[in-house]
């Protein structure tokens, strides 16, 4: 466990925004049905990250409930606790743990779900055995993902070709280090998102089924406030402050994870500063383009796939 993921791969604020709009409350009947979530009882999300889906689950539970989020990254959980407090949600517990050793007693859950977790689970069968341990007989088990193989095309403000090219060249130089961090953080290693139904079907759950739903945010829709529109643009077109990291930070993180650094050189301080400037410029230009009358239509559509069943 550690903060490699939140520090170098996906900062909490990025995941928070994307998950909140992918699970809108007005579509709760659809995605709750796909995730097989009961209207009452004890529900757990494994790999809850910053709490984007977890808080939506808590907000849309109709009856008395307890909602539990488990994640291995302390920084993600700290961010989630702040969001739970801000939203004044009761009955939400956040626990530090991993998918192979859930910090929960046997047969304590009515439902367990995960979103974009399975593609990072190196041993899906070991994960499902742990899920069976903590679920009561008749409990619902679901796994959902969003993958490029079943996504609808998005259209967002594009940066000028010269700016995009310079960003790509600098990012390419840093890519070996990014891959090393992702390996150390366990970002890869699981089945591809498109294989999710096949993996879950092999678990032998009762009433196995596959569902999907989509969420679309149209930036030109008058129902979207300027602040919300800018948040969507930032979610897709910007990079959070603090990135790209320094080489010293990367070396320390890899050492703590017991991983060796790449042999290829990292960005110089001047290159790293330049890349940060380009990220900020790209965000500024994207927001300006999204606000320019007649520039659209701009929209983001995401398709989610879920495989689920009942534990005997």
C-alpha atoms as a PDB file:
ATOM      1  CA  UNK A   1       0.000   0.000   0.000  1.00  0.00           C
ATOM      2  CA  UNK A   2       1.111   3.560  -0.592  1.00  0.00           C
ATOM      3  CA  UNK A   3       0.416   6.709  -2.538  1.00  0.00           C
ATOM      4  CA  UNK A   4       2.148   5.886  -5.832  1.00  0.00           C
ATOM      5  CA  UNK A   5      -1.142   5.838  -7.677  1.00  0.00           C
ATOM      6  CA  UNK A   6      -2.504   9.118  -6.339  1.00  0.00           C
ATOM      7  CA  UNK A   7       0.851  10.898  -6.578  1.00  0.00           C
ATOM      8  CA  UNK A   8       2.012   9.856 -10.046  1.00  0.00           C
ATOM      9  CA  UNK A   9      -0.735   8.029 -11.984  1.00  0.00           C
ATOM     10  CA  UNK A  10      -4.218   9.431 -11.288  1.00  0.00           C
ATOM     11  CA  UNK A  11      -4.534  12.236  -8.733  1.00  0.00           C
ATOM     12  CA  UNK A  12      -7.726  12.068  -6.631  1.00  0.00           C
ATOM     13  CA  UNK A  13      -9.315  15.197  -8.108  1.00  0.00           C
ATOM     14  CA  UNK A  14      -9.157  13.721 -11.621  1.00  0.00           C
ATOM     15  CA  UNK A  15     -10.900  10.483 -10.678  1.00  0.00           C
ATOM     16  CA  UNK A  16     -13.418  12.327  -8.521  1.00  0.00           C
ATOM     17  CA  UNK A  17     -14.702  14.466 -11.390  1.00  0.00           C
ATOM     18  CA  UNK A  18     -14.880  11.677 -13.945  1.00  0.00           C
ATOM     19  CA  UNK A  19     -16.645   9.213 -11.652  1.00  0.00           C
ATOM     20  CA  UNK A  20     -19.176  11.729 -10.405  1.00  0.00           C
ATOM     21  CA  UNK A  21     -20.391  12.591 -13.911  1.00  0.00           C
ATOM     22  CA  UNK A  22     -20.301   8.961 -15.093  1.00  0.00           C
ATOM     23  CA  UNK A  23     -22.789   8.062 -12.342  1.00  0.00           C
ATOM     24  CA  UNK A  24     -25.310  10.941 -12.458  1.00  0.00           C
ATOM     25  CA  UNK A  25     -28.149  10.842  -9.913  1.00  0.00           C
ATOM     26  CA  UNK A  26     -30.766  11.301 -12.638  1.00  0.00           C
ATOM     27  CA  UNK A  27     -29.647   7.962 -14.118  1.00  0.00           C
ATOM     28  CA  UNK A  28     -29.365   6.205 -10.766  1.00  0.00           C
ATOM     29  CA  UNK A  29     -32.123   3.706 -11.559  1.00  0.00           C
ATOM     30  CA  UNK A  30     -30.122   2.568 -14.602  1.00  0.00           C
ATOM     31  CA  UNK A  31     -26.635   2.240 -13.119  1.00  0.00           C
ATOM     32  CA  UNK A  32     -27.854   0.925  -9.766  1.00  0.00           C
ATOM     33  CA  UNK A  33     -29.723  -1.833 -11.613  1.00  0.00           C
ATOM     34  CA  UNK A  34     -26.608  -2.665 -13.646  1.00  0.00           C
ATOM     35  CA  UNK A  35     -24.423  -2.782 -10.518  1.00  0.00           C
ATOM     36  CA  UNK A  36     -27.052  -4.899  -8.729  1.00  0.00           C
ATOM     37  CA  UNK A  37     -27.182  -2.542  -5.749  1.00  0.00           C
ATOM     38  CA  UNK A  38     -29.946  -3.122  -3.179  1.00  0.00           C
ATOM     39  CA  UNK A  39     -32.012  -0.218  -1.891  1.00  0.00           C
ATOM     40  CA  UNK A  40     -31.015  -1.080   1.690  1.00  0.00           C
ATOM     41  CA  UNK A  41     -28.406  -3.109   3.531  1.00  0.00           C
ATOM     42  CA  UNK A  42     -24.604  -3.082   3.589  1.00  0.00           C
ATOM     43  CA  UNK A  43     -22.861  -2.257   0.313  1.00  0.00           C
ATOM     44  CA  UNK A  44     -19.113  -2.143  -0.355  1.00  0.00           C
ATOM     45  CA  UNK A  45     -17.104  -0.655  -3.214  1.00  0.00           C
ATOM     46  CA  UNK A  46     -13.627  -2.141  -3.533  1.00  0.00           C
ATOM     47  CA  UNK A  47     -11.129   0.241  -5.110  1.00  0.00           C
ATOM     48  CA  UNK A  48     -13.273   3.239  -4.232  1.00  0.00           C
ATOM     49  CA  UNK A  49     -10.474   5.745  -4.906  1.00  0.00           C
ATOM     50  CA  UNK A  50     -11.535   9.314  -4.083  1.00  0.00           C
ATOM     51  CA  UNK A  51     -15.165   8.324  -3.543  1.00  0.00           C
ATOM     52  CA  UNK A  52     -16.833   9.469  -6.764  1.00  0.00           C
ATOM     53  CA  UNK A  53     -19.004   6.366  -7.162  1.00  0.00           C
ATOM     54  CA  UNK A  54     -19.143   5.608  -3.446  1.00  0.00           C
ATOM     55  CA  UNK A  55     -20.784   8.943  -2.641  1.00  0.00           C
ATOM     56  CA  UNK A  56     -23.257   8.496  -5.514  1.00  0.00           C
ATOM     57  CA  UNK A  57     -24.217   5.110  -4.062  1.00  0.00           C
ATOM     58  CA  UNK A  58     -24.775   6.659  -0.636  1.00  0.00           C
ATOM     59  CA  UNK A  59     -26.735   9.587  -2.084  1.00  0.00           C
ATOM     60  CA  UNK A  60     -29.124   7.303  -3.973  1.00  0.00           C
ATOM     61  CA  UNK A  61     -29.802   4.639  -1.335  1.00  0.00           C
ATOM     62  CA  UNK A  62     -33.528   4.837  -0.641  1.00  0.00           C
ATOM     63  CA  UNK A  63     -33.589   3.141   2.761  1.00  0.00           C
ATOM     64  CA  UNK A  64     -31.402   2.612   5.813  1.00  0.00           C
ATOM     65  CA  UNK A  65     -27.936   1.550   4.745  1.00  0.00           C
ATOM     66  CA  UNK A  66     -24.239   1.322   5.413  1.00  0.00           C
ATOM     67  CA  UNK A  67     -21.846   2.037   2.562  1.00  0.00           C
ATOM     68  CA  UNK A  68     -18.207   0.916   2.830  1.00  0.00           C
ATOM     69  CA  UNK A  69     -15.334   2.003   0.617  1.00  0.00           C
ATOM     70  CA  UNK A  70     -12.044   0.100   0.519  1.00  0.00           C
ATOM     71  CA  UNK A  71      -8.882   1.362  -1.161  1.00  0.00           C
ATOM     72  CA  UNK A  72      -5.158   0.724  -0.773  1.00  0.00           C
ATOM     73  CA  UNK A  73      -4.105   4.357  -1.318  1.00  0.00           C
ATOM     74  CA  UNK A  74      -4.257   6.516   1.859  1.00  0.00           C
ATOM     75  CA  UNK A  75      -4.307   9.766  -0.152  1.00  0.00           C
ATOM     76  CA  UNK A  76      -7.351   8.591  -2.099  1.00  0.00           C
ATOM     77  CA  UNK A  77      -9.143   7.743   1.137  1.00  0.00           C
ATOM     78  CA  UNK A  78      -8.244  11.111   2.691  1.00  0.00           C
ATOM     79  CA  UNK A  79      -9.733  12.873  -0.333  1.00  0.00           C
ATOM     80  CA  UNK A  80     -12.855  10.681  -0.120  1.00  0.00           C
ATOM     81  CA  UNK A  81     -13.320  11.471   3.582  1.00  0.00           C
ATOM     82  CA  UNK A  82     -13.341  15.175   2.813  1.00  0.00           C
ATOM     83  CA  UNK A  83     -15.982  14.694   0.107  1.00  0.00           C
ATOM     84  CA  UNK A  84     -18.136  12.582   2.436  1.00  0.00           C
ATOM     85  CA  UNK A  85     -17.899  15.302   5.062  1.00  0.00           C
ATOM     86  CA  UNK A  86     -18.729  18.078   2.595  1.00  0.00           C
ATOM     87  CA  UNK A  87     -21.756  16.172   1.304  1.00  0.00           C
ATOM     88  CA  UNK A  88     -22.853  15.432   4.891  1.00  0.00           C
ATOM     89  CA  UNK A  89     -23.324  11.737   4.184  1.00  0.00           C
ATOM     90  CA  UNK A  90     -24.056   9.461   7.132  1.00  0.00           C
ATOM     91  CA  UNK A  91     -23.401   5.734   7.297  1.00  0.00           C
ATOM     92  CA  UNK A  92     -20.281   5.822   5.102  1.00  0.00           C
ATOM     93  CA  UNK A  93     -17.101   4.062   6.236  1.00  0.00           C
ATOM     94  CA  UNK A  94     -13.726   4.240   4.470  1.00  0.00           C
ATOM     95  CA  UNK A  95     -11.174   1.503   5.089  1.00  0.00           C
ATOM     96  CA  UNK A  96      -7.560   0.990   4.047  1.00  0.00           C
ATOM     97  CA  UNK A  97      -7.064  -2.402   2.439  1.00  0.00           C
ATOM     98  CA  UNK A  98      -6.502  -4.284  -0.803  1.00  0.00           C
ATOM     99  CA  UNK A  99      -8.573  -6.540  -3.030  1.00  0.00           C
ATOM    100  CA  UNK A 100      -6.945  -9.762  -1.808  1.00  0.00           C
ATOM    101  CA  UNK A 101      -7.312  -9.089   1.934  1.00  0.00           C
ATOM    102  CA  UNK A 102     -10.424  -7.015   2.552  1.00  0.00           C
ATOM    103  CA  UNK A 103     -10.544  -5.538   6.083  1.00  0.00           C
ATOM    104  CA  UNK A 104     -14.020  -7.011   6.648  1.00  0.00           C
ATOM    105  CA  UNK A 105     -15.429  -9.986   8.590  1.00  0.00           C
ATOM    106  CA  UNK A 106     -16.980 -13.009   6.890  1.00  0.00           C
ATOM    107  CA  UNK A 107     -20.505 -12.775   5.452  1.00  0.00           C
ATOM    108  CA  UNK A 108     -21.042  -9.116   6.368  1.00  0.00           C
ATOM    109  CA  UNK A 109     -22.129  -7.602   3.016  1.00  0.00           C
ATOM    110  CA  UNK A 110     -25.324  -7.609   0.991  1.00  0.00           C
ATOM    111  CA  UNK A 111     -23.578  -6.356  -2.147  1.00  0.00           C
ATOM    112  CA  UNK A 112     -20.036  -5.743  -3.358  1.00  0.00           C
ATOM    113  CA  UNK A 113     -19.104  -3.801  -6.461  1.00  0.00           C
ATOM    114  CA  UNK A 114     -16.031  -2.403  -8.177  1.00  0.00           C
ATOM    115  CA  UNK A 115     -15.462   0.012 -11.029  1.00  0.00           C
ATOM    116  CA  UNK A 116     -12.318   0.029 -13.217  1.00  0.00           C
ATOM    117  CA  UNK A 117     -10.638  -2.254 -10.695  1.00  0.00           C
ATOM    118  CA  UNK A 118     -10.568  -5.616 -12.457  1.00  0.00           C
ATOM    119  CA  UNK A 119      -8.118  -4.507 -15.150  1.00  0.00           C
ATOM    120  CA  UNK A 120      -5.599  -3.909 -12.343  1.00  0.00           C
ATOM    121  CA  UNK A 121      -6.207  -7.165 -10.437  1.00  0.00           C
ATOM    122  CA  UNK A 122      -3.406  -9.611 -11.195  1.00  0.00           C
ATOM    123  CA  UNK A 123      -5.359 -12.624  -9.861  1.00  0.00           C
ATOM    124  CA  UNK A 124      -9.110 -12.199 -10.518  1.00  0.00           C
ATOM    125  CA  UNK A 125      -9.940 -15.623  -9.076  1.00  0.00           C
ATOM    126  CA  UNK A 126      -8.249 -14.772  -5.766  1.00  0.00           C
ATOM    127  CA  UNK A 127     -10.225 -11.525  -5.707  1.00  0.00           C
ATOM    128  CA  UNK A 128     -13.551 -13.287  -6.249  1.00  0.00           C
ATOM    129  CA  UNK A 129     -12.785 -15.787  -3.488  1.00  0.00           C
ATOM    130  CA  UNK A 130     -12.256 -12.859  -1.122  1.00  0.00           C
ATOM    131  CA  UNK A 131     -15.509 -11.311  -2.359  1.00  0.00           C
ATOM    132  CA  UNK A 132     -17.352 -14.552  -1.624  1.00  0.00           C
ATOM    133  CA  UNK A 133     -15.889 -14.581   1.878  1.00  0.00           C
ATOM    134  CA  UNK A 134     -17.305 -11.176   2.823  1.00  0.00           C
ATOM    135  CA  UNK A 135     -20.663 -11.533   1.022  1.00  0.00           C
ATOM    136  CA  UNK A 136     -23.670 -13.137   2.652  1.00  0.00           C
ATOM    137  CA  UNK A 137     -25.357 -16.029   0.829  1.00  0.00           C
ATOM    138  CA  UNK A 138     -27.525 -14.429  -1.845  1.00  0.00           C
ATOM    139  CA  UNK A 139     -25.343 -11.317  -1.927  1.00  0.00           C
ATOM    140  CA  UNK A 140     -24.800  -9.424  -5.163  1.00  0.00           C
ATOM    141  CA  UNK A 141     -21.346  -9.263  -6.770  1.00  0.00           C
ATOM    142  CA  UNK A 142     -20.662  -6.924  -9.695  1.00  0.00           C
ATOM    143  CA  UNK A 143     -17.670  -5.563 -11.584  1.00  0.00           C
ATOM    144  CA  UNK A 144     -17.849  -2.658 -14.024  1.00  0.00           C
ATOM    145  CA  UNK A 145     -15.390  -0.963 -16.329  1.00  0.00           C
ATOM    146  CA  UNK A 146     -14.978   1.621 -19.041  1.00  0.00           C
ATOM    147  CA  UNK A 147     -12.782   0.560 -21.917  1.00  0.00           C
ATOM    148  CA  UNK A 148     -11.709   1.990 -25.261  1.00  0.00           C
ATOM    149  CA  UNK A 149     -13.104  -1.053 -27.050  1.00  0.00           C
ATOM    150  CA  UNK A 150     -16.657  -0.047 -26.148  1.00  0.00           C
ATOM    151  CA  UNK A 151     -16.477   3.737 -26.014  1.00  0.00           C
ATOM    152  CA  UNK A 152     -18.341   6.243 -28.115  1.00  0.00           C
ATOM    153  CA  UNK A 153     -16.282   8.971 -29.749  1.00  0.00           C
ATOM    154  CA  UNK A 154     -15.830  12.118 -27.676  1.00  0.00           C
ATOM    155  CA  UNK A 155     -15.367  15.626 -29.061  1.00  0.00           C
ATOM    156  CA  UNK A 156     -13.543  18.172 -26.949  1.00  0.00           C
ATOM    157  CA  UNK A 157     -11.512  21.312 -27.696  1.00  0.00           C
ATOM    158  CA  UNK A 158      -8.291  20.313 -29.467  1.00  0.00           C
ATOM    159  CA  UNK A 159      -4.989  22.128 -28.764  1.00  0.00           C
ATOM    160  CA  UNK A 160      -3.080  23.664 -31.684  1.00  0.00           C
ATOM    161  CA  UNK A 161      -1.046  21.051 -33.545  1.00  0.00           C
ATOM    162  CA  UNK A 162       2.283  22.695 -32.662  1.00  0.00           C
ATOM    163  CA  UNK A 163       1.448  22.727 -28.942  1.00  0.00           C
ATOM    164  CA  UNK A 164       0.171  19.132 -29.012  1.00  0.00           C
ATOM    165  CA  UNK A 165       3.302  17.996 -30.829  1.00  0.00           C
ATOM    166  CA  UNK A 166       5.651  19.580 -28.306  1.00  0.00           C
ATOM    167  CA  UNK A 167       3.734  18.013 -25.425  1.00  0.00           C
ATOM    168  CA  UNK A 168       3.891  14.611 -27.128  1.00  0.00           C
ATOM    169  CA  UNK A 169       7.661  14.835 -27.646  1.00  0.00           C
ATOM    170  CA  UNK A 170       8.333  15.740 -24.032  1.00  0.00           C
ATOM    171  CA  UNK A 171       5.948  13.094 -22.719  1.00  0.00           C
ATOM    172  CA  UNK A 172       7.620  10.484 -24.918  1.00  0.00           C
ATOM    173  CA  UNK A 173      10.958  11.284 -23.302  1.00  0.00           C
ATOM    174  CA  UNK A 174       9.436  10.708 -19.860  1.00  0.00           C
ATOM    175  CA  UNK A 175       7.423   7.613 -20.845  1.00  0.00           C
ATOM    176  CA  UNK A 176       9.904   4.951 -19.580  1.00  0.00           C
ATOM    177  CA  UNK A 177       9.729   6.517 -16.121  1.00  0.00           C
ATOM    178  CA  UNK A 178       5.941   6.696 -16.262  1.00  0.00           C
ATOM    179  CA  UNK A 179       5.766   3.011 -17.197  1.00  0.00           C
ATOM    180  CA  UNK A 180       8.086   2.130 -14.311  1.00  0.00           C
ATOM    181  CA  UNK A 181       5.857   3.989 -11.851  1.00  0.00           C
ATOM    182  CA  UNK A 182       2.729   2.338 -13.239  1.00  0.00           C
ATOM    183  CA  UNK A 183       4.288  -1.102 -12.850  1.00  0.00           C
ATOM    184  CA  UNK A 184       5.342  -0.311  -9.299  1.00  0.00           C
ATOM    185  CA  UNK A 185       1.838   0.992  -8.521  1.00  0.00           C
ATOM    186  CA  UNK A 186       0.218  -2.127  -9.950  1.00  0.00           C
ATOM    187  CA  UNK A 187      -1.712  -0.219 -12.594  1.00  0.00           C
ATOM    188  CA  UNK A 188      -1.397  -3.009 -15.146  1.00  0.00           C
ATOM    189  CA  UNK A 189      -1.630  -6.752 -14.829  1.00  0.00           C
ATOM    190  CA  UNK A 190      -5.339  -7.567 -14.940  1.00  0.00           C
ATOM    191  CA  UNK A 191      -7.612  -8.654 -17.776  1.00  0.00           C
ATOM    192  CA  UNK A 192      -8.507  -6.071 -20.453  1.00  0.00           C
ATOM    193  CA  UNK A 193     -11.846  -4.307 -19.816  1.00  0.00           C
ATOM    194  CA  UNK A 194     -13.395  -6.022 -22.839  1.00  0.00           C
ATOM    195  CA  UNK A 195     -12.762  -9.422 -21.211  1.00  0.00           C
ATOM    196  CA  UNK A 196     -14.708  -8.497 -18.071  1.00  0.00           C
ATOM    197  CA  UNK A 197     -17.854 -10.569 -18.866  1.00  0.00           C
ATOM    198  CA  UNK A 198     -15.806 -13.673 -19.637  1.00  0.00           C
ATOM    199  CA  UNK A 199     -13.823 -13.362 -16.385  1.00  0.00           C
ATOM    200  CA  UNK A 200     -16.881 -12.844 -14.164  1.00  0.00           C
ATOM    201  CA  UNK A 201     -18.881 -15.564 -15.950  1.00  0.00           C
ATOM    202  CA  UNK A 202     -16.174 -18.080 -15.029  1.00  0.00           C
ATOM    203  CA  UNK A 203     -16.823 -17.409 -11.345  1.00  0.00           C
ATOM    204  CA  UNK A 204     -19.989 -19.521 -11.461  1.00  0.00           C
ATOM    205  CA  UNK A 205     -22.343 -16.929  -9.992  1.00  0.00           C
ATOM    206  CA  UNK A 206     -26.089 -17.488 -10.066  1.00  0.00           C
ATOM    207  CA  UNK A 207     -28.190 -15.269 -12.338  1.00  0.00           C
ATOM    208  CA  UNK A 208     -25.119 -14.067 -14.243  1.00  0.00           C
ATOM    209  CA  UNK A 209     -25.804 -11.122 -16.532  1.00  0.00           C
ATOM    210  CA  UNK A 210     -24.104  -8.374 -18.490  1.00  0.00           C
ATOM    211  CA  UNK A 211     -25.420  -4.804 -18.578  1.00  0.00           C
ATOM    212  CA  UNK A 212     -24.252  -1.486 -19.934  1.00  0.00           C
ATOM    213  CA  UNK A 213     -25.208   2.154 -19.651  1.00  0.00           C
ATOM    214  CA  UNK A 214     -23.857   5.409 -20.988  1.00  0.00           C
ATOM    215  CA  UNK A 215     -23.400   8.933 -19.703  1.00  0.00           C
ATOM    216  CA  UNK A 216     -23.093  11.962 -21.937  1.00  0.00           C
ATOM    217  CA  UNK A 217     -22.085  15.467 -20.955  1.00  0.00           C
ATOM    218  CA  UNK A 218     -22.750  18.011 -23.685  1.00  0.00           C
ATOM    219  CA  UNK A 219     -20.724  21.119 -23.007  1.00  0.00           C
ATOM    220  CA  UNK A 220     -23.065  23.184 -25.185  1.00  0.00           C
ATOM    221  CA  UNK A 221     -26.151  22.186 -23.189  1.00  0.00           C
ATOM    222  CA  UNK A 222     -27.665  25.152 -21.369  1.00  0.00           C
ATOM    223  CA  UNK A 223     -28.339  22.911 -18.370  1.00  0.00           C
ATOM    224  CA  UNK A 224     -24.602  22.736 -17.701  1.00  0.00           C
ATOM    225  CA  UNK A 225     -23.290  25.692 -15.692  1.00  0.00           C
ATOM    226  CA  UNK A 226     -20.046  27.420 -16.779  1.00  0.00           C
ATOM    227  CA  UNK A 227     -18.331  25.987 -13.718  1.00  0.00           C
ATOM    228  CA  UNK A 228     -19.480  22.448 -14.533  1.00  0.00           C
ATOM    229  CA  UNK A 229     -18.442  22.875 -18.162  1.00  0.00           C
ATOM    230  CA  UNK A 230     -14.980  24.012 -17.119  1.00  0.00           C
ATOM    231  CA  UNK A 231     -14.661  21.043 -14.750  1.00  0.00           C
ATOM    232  CA  UNK A 232     -15.408  18.619 -17.595  1.00  0.00           C
ATOM    233  CA  UNK A 233     -12.835  20.329 -19.814  1.00  0.00           C
ATOM    234  CA  UNK A 234     -10.254  20.197 -17.026  1.00  0.00           C
ATOM    235  CA  UNK A 235     -11.007  16.540 -16.450  1.00  0.00           C
ATOM    236  CA  UNK A 236     -10.067  15.710 -20.031  1.00  0.00           C
ATOM    237  CA  UNK A 237      -7.715  18.476 -21.150  1.00  0.00           C
ATOM    238  CA  UNK A 238      -5.548  19.340 -18.170  1.00  0.00           C
ATOM    239  CA  UNK A 239      -2.979  17.835 -15.832  1.00  0.00           C
ATOM    240  CA  UNK A 240      -3.162  18.507 -12.061  1.00  0.00           C
ATOM    241  CA  UNK A 241      -0.546  20.707 -10.379  1.00  0.00           C
ATOM    242  CA  UNK A 242       2.588  18.900  -9.284  1.00  0.00           C
ATOM    243  CA  UNK A 243       2.902  16.921 -12.500  1.00  0.00           C
ATOM    244  CA  UNK A 244       5.223  16.103 -14.121  1.00  0.00           C
ATOM    245  CA  UNK A 245       7.133  15.131 -10.966  1.00  0.00           C
ATOM    246  CA  UNK A 246      10.818  15.715 -10.398  1.00  0.00           C
ATOM    247  CA  UNK A 247      13.340  12.962 -11.060  1.00  0.00           C
ATOM    248  CA  UNK A 248      14.260  12.909  -7.363  1.00  0.00           C
ATOM    249  CA  UNK A 249      10.614  12.299  -6.441  1.00  0.00           C
ATOM    250  CA  UNK A 250      10.359   9.470  -8.959  1.00  0.00           C
ATOM    251  CA  UNK A 251      13.571   7.834  -7.776  1.00  0.00           C
ATOM    252  CA  UNK A 252      12.452   7.983  -4.137  1.00  0.00           C
ATOM    253  CA  UNK A 253       9.061   6.528  -4.986  1.00  0.00           C
ATOM    254  CA  UNK A 254      10.538   3.670  -7.000  1.00  0.00           C
ATOM    255  CA  UNK A 255      13.063   2.903  -4.271  1.00  0.00           C
ATOM    256  CA  UNK A 256      10.335   2.777  -1.627  1.00  0.00           C
ATOM    257  CA  UNK A 257       8.381   0.400  -3.871  1.00  0.00           C
ATOM    258  CA  UNK A 258      11.443  -1.820  -4.321  1.00  0.00           C
ATOM    259  CA  UNK A 259      11.624  -1.095  -8.067  1.00  0.00           C
ATOM    260  CA  UNK A 260      14.591  -0.065 -10.171  1.00  0.00           C
ATOM    261  CA  UNK A 261      14.553   3.211 -12.126  1.00  0.00           C
ATOM    262  CA  UNK A 262      14.790   3.085 -15.936  1.00  0.00           C
ATOM    263  CA  UNK A 263      18.199   3.386 -17.560  1.00  0.00           C
ATOM    264  CA  UNK A 264      16.990   6.106 -19.936  1.00  0.00           C
ATOM    265  CA  UNK A 265      17.352   9.765 -18.901  1.00  0.00           C
ATOM    266  CA  UNK A 266      14.395  11.661 -17.450  1.00  0.00           C
ATOM    267  CA  UNK A 267      13.330  15.201 -18.307  1.00  0.00           C
ATOM    268  CA  UNK A 268      15.746  17.969 -17.399  1.00  0.00           C
ATOM    269  CA  UNK A 269      14.459  20.632 -15.012  1.00  0.00           C
ATOM    270  CA  UNK A 270      14.023  22.993 -17.966  1.00  0.00           C
ATOM    271  CA  UNK A 271      12.066  20.381 -19.926  1.00  0.00           C
ATOM    272  CA  UNK A 272       9.878  19.569 -16.948  1.00  0.00           C
ATOM    273  CA  UNK A 273       9.109  23.253 -16.387  1.00  0.00           C
ATOM    274  CA  UNK A 274       8.329  23.674 -20.075  1.00  0.00           C
ATOM    275  CA  UNK A 275       5.963  20.705 -20.041  1.00  0.00           C
ATOM    276  CA  UNK A 276       4.159  22.148 -17.044  1.00  0.00           C
ATOM    277  CA  UNK A 277       3.762  25.449 -18.897  1.00  0.00           C
ATOM    278  CA  UNK A 278       2.371  23.620 -21.907  1.00  0.00           C
ATOM    279  CA  UNK A 279      -0.130  21.732 -19.767  1.00  0.00           C
ATOM    280  CA  UNK A 280      -1.387  25.004 -18.288  1.00  0.00           C
ATOM    281  CA  UNK A 281      -1.581  26.619 -21.716  1.00  0.00           C
ATOM    282  CA  UNK A 282      -3.509  23.653 -23.119  1.00  0.00           C
ATOM    283  CA  UNK A 283      -6.063  23.936 -20.303  1.00  0.00           C
ATOM    284  CA  UNK A 284      -6.419  27.690 -20.800  1.00  0.00           C
ATOM    285  CA  UNK A 285      -6.949  27.341 -24.544  1.00  0.00           C
ATOM    286  CA  UNK A 286      -9.409  24.467 -24.104  1.00  0.00           C
ATOM    287  CA  UNK A 287     -11.580  26.461 -21.711  1.00  0.00           C
ATOM    288  CA  UNK A 288     -11.501  29.487 -24.005  1.00  0.00           C
ATOM    289  CA  UNK A 289     -12.535  27.327 -26.963  1.00  0.00           C
ATOM    290  CA  UNK A 290     -15.326  25.650 -24.973  1.00  0.00           C
ATOM    291  CA  UNK A 291     -16.669  29.107 -24.045  1.00  0.00           C
ATOM    292  CA  UNK A 292     -16.453  30.538 -27.564  1.00  0.00           C
ATOM    293  CA  UNK A 293     -19.884  30.905 -29.144  1.00  0.00           C
ATOM    294  CA  UNK A 294     -20.392  28.574 -32.080  1.00  0.00           C
ATOM    295  CA  UNK A 295     -17.227  26.550 -31.427  1.00  0.00           C
ATOM    296  CA  UNK A 296     -19.058  23.335 -30.503  1.00  0.00           C
ATOM    297  CA  UNK A 297     -20.741  21.013 -30.311  1.00  0.00           C
ATOM    298  CA  UNK A 298     -18.475  19.603 -27.622  1.00  0.00           C
ATOM    299  CA  UNK A 299     -19.501  16.484 -25.744  1.00  0.00           C
ATOM    300  CA  UNK A 300     -18.142  13.575 -23.756  1.00  0.00           C
ATOM    301  CA  UNK A 301     -19.806  10.167 -23.879  1.00  0.00           C
ATOM    302  CA  UNK A 302     -18.689   7.251 -21.781  1.00  0.00           C
ATOM    303  CA  UNK A 303     -20.039   3.696 -22.022  1.00  0.00           C
ATOM    304  CA  UNK A 304     -19.819   1.470 -18.967  1.00  0.00           C
ATOM    305  CA  UNK A 305     -19.973  -2.342 -19.012  1.00  0.00           C
ATOM    306  CA  UNK A 306     -20.931  -4.411 -15.976  1.00  0.00           C
ATOM    307  CA  UNK A 307     -20.926  -8.151 -15.300  1.00  0.00           C
ATOM    308  CA  UNK A 308     -22.676  -9.419 -12.193  1.00  0.00           C
ATOM    309  CA  UNK A 309     -24.291 -12.307 -10.392  1.00  0.00           C
ATOM    310  CA  UNK A 310     -25.488 -13.694  -7.071  1.00  0.00           C
ATOM    311  CA  UNK A 311     -23.288 -15.557  -4.609  1.00  0.00           C
ATOM    312  CA  UNK A 312     -24.793 -18.914  -3.669  1.00  0.00           C
END
